[in-house]
Amino acid sequence: MRRRDLAFLALGIVVALALPRVLYSALALRILLWALFAVSVDLLLGYGGMLSFGHAAFWGGGGYAAALLAKTFELPFPLAALGGIACAMLLAAPIGFLAIRRRGIYLAMVTLAFAQMLFYVANEWRGLTGGENGVQGVPKILPGLSVGRTADFYYAALPLVLVGLFVAYRIVHSPFGHVLVSIRDNEARAQALGYPTQRYKLIAFVLSGGIAGLAGSLYAIGNSFASLDLLHWTTSGSAVLMTVLGGMGTLWGGAVGAAIVLLLEDSLSSVTEAPGVVGRSSSPSSSDSVVVCCRRRDARSSGSRYGVEVGKPEGRALPEGLADGTVEPVGFSEPKGMIPPPLM
């Protein structure tokens, strides 16, 4: 291991140890596990050049498996997580075998299709997964230690996360990882050199799925709940976003991207009223203004063309032109770059 890598490792461990003391423990746990999930996506996307929109299948499949094992057999959470890893890798093998036969957006669509199929299976198999209610009351068990509190579970799960990160590091810095990068850069040349590229890509797919399964297992047990959200396609999209935002082909970029996205989501959720909204207008008067798209009223029209009512903030006057009837509100403004309705 190079000196620079050792410095990054030491810095990462210090940050991970201090995270629950800087942030509240639930957010710190989310950042830790989503970082590992993003690293698994980066292993496939950044080093293998394979875009997967179906990694939620491995994150959620591992989460459900670990939750059921921990709840049904009262296993210690490390053993339940191992079961989640095995389940995720078993799912990744056939999905990867079929998906790697395609490239680019076609590969992404194949993985998305399989992930959504698993989502609907979990939704319908209510006797096992609980359907929309999910698997509730998952225990956090570690013999000899109390890990019921989120902060305690964070430090108990941290060694497993570090193991997952170390496995990803060893993969990309091994001869296998170098061949994987060469396949990403020029698969035809790698084939000409005698490398079985399909086998390498399948192994990378399975290993990536296993790391995602570890992250999902710890996430489900840490929250004492496994739900359908773990399997939804937006979960895969969030992981891809974190990977791209932090920097593909770096491993640590996934952790940085996860921290940025989750911290923004947490901070912006306190200033927005709509759930799931992580952004809003940044104009100085965005809280007081009404953004509308208008057309002029003429003698041939009466009332709104599109039947859209535009309200105004309580205690505020309508913009000039709306109050006196010069112009008529017909809907909300289109995003930049789109053509607004014509003025009559």
Foldseek 3Di string as FASTA:
>chain_A
DDPVVVVVVVVVVVCLVCVCVVPPLVLSLQLLLLLLLLLLQLLCCQQQVAHALQLLQLLQQLQLQLQLCCVVVVDALVVSLVRLLVRLLVVLQVLLLVLVVDGDPSSRVSSQVVLVVVLVVLQPVCVRQVHQQGRAQRANDDPPDDQRDSNSLSVVCVVVSVVSLVVSVCCCPDPLNVLSNVCNVPVVVSVVVPDPNSVSSSVSSSSSSSSSSSSSNSVNNSVRGRGSVSSDSVSSVLSVQQCVCQDRPPSVRSSVSSVVVSVLQVVQVVVDDDPPDSDDDPDPCRVFAFAFAKAADDPVDDDAPQPDDGDGPPPDDHPPCPVVRRIDTHGGDDDPPDDGDDHD
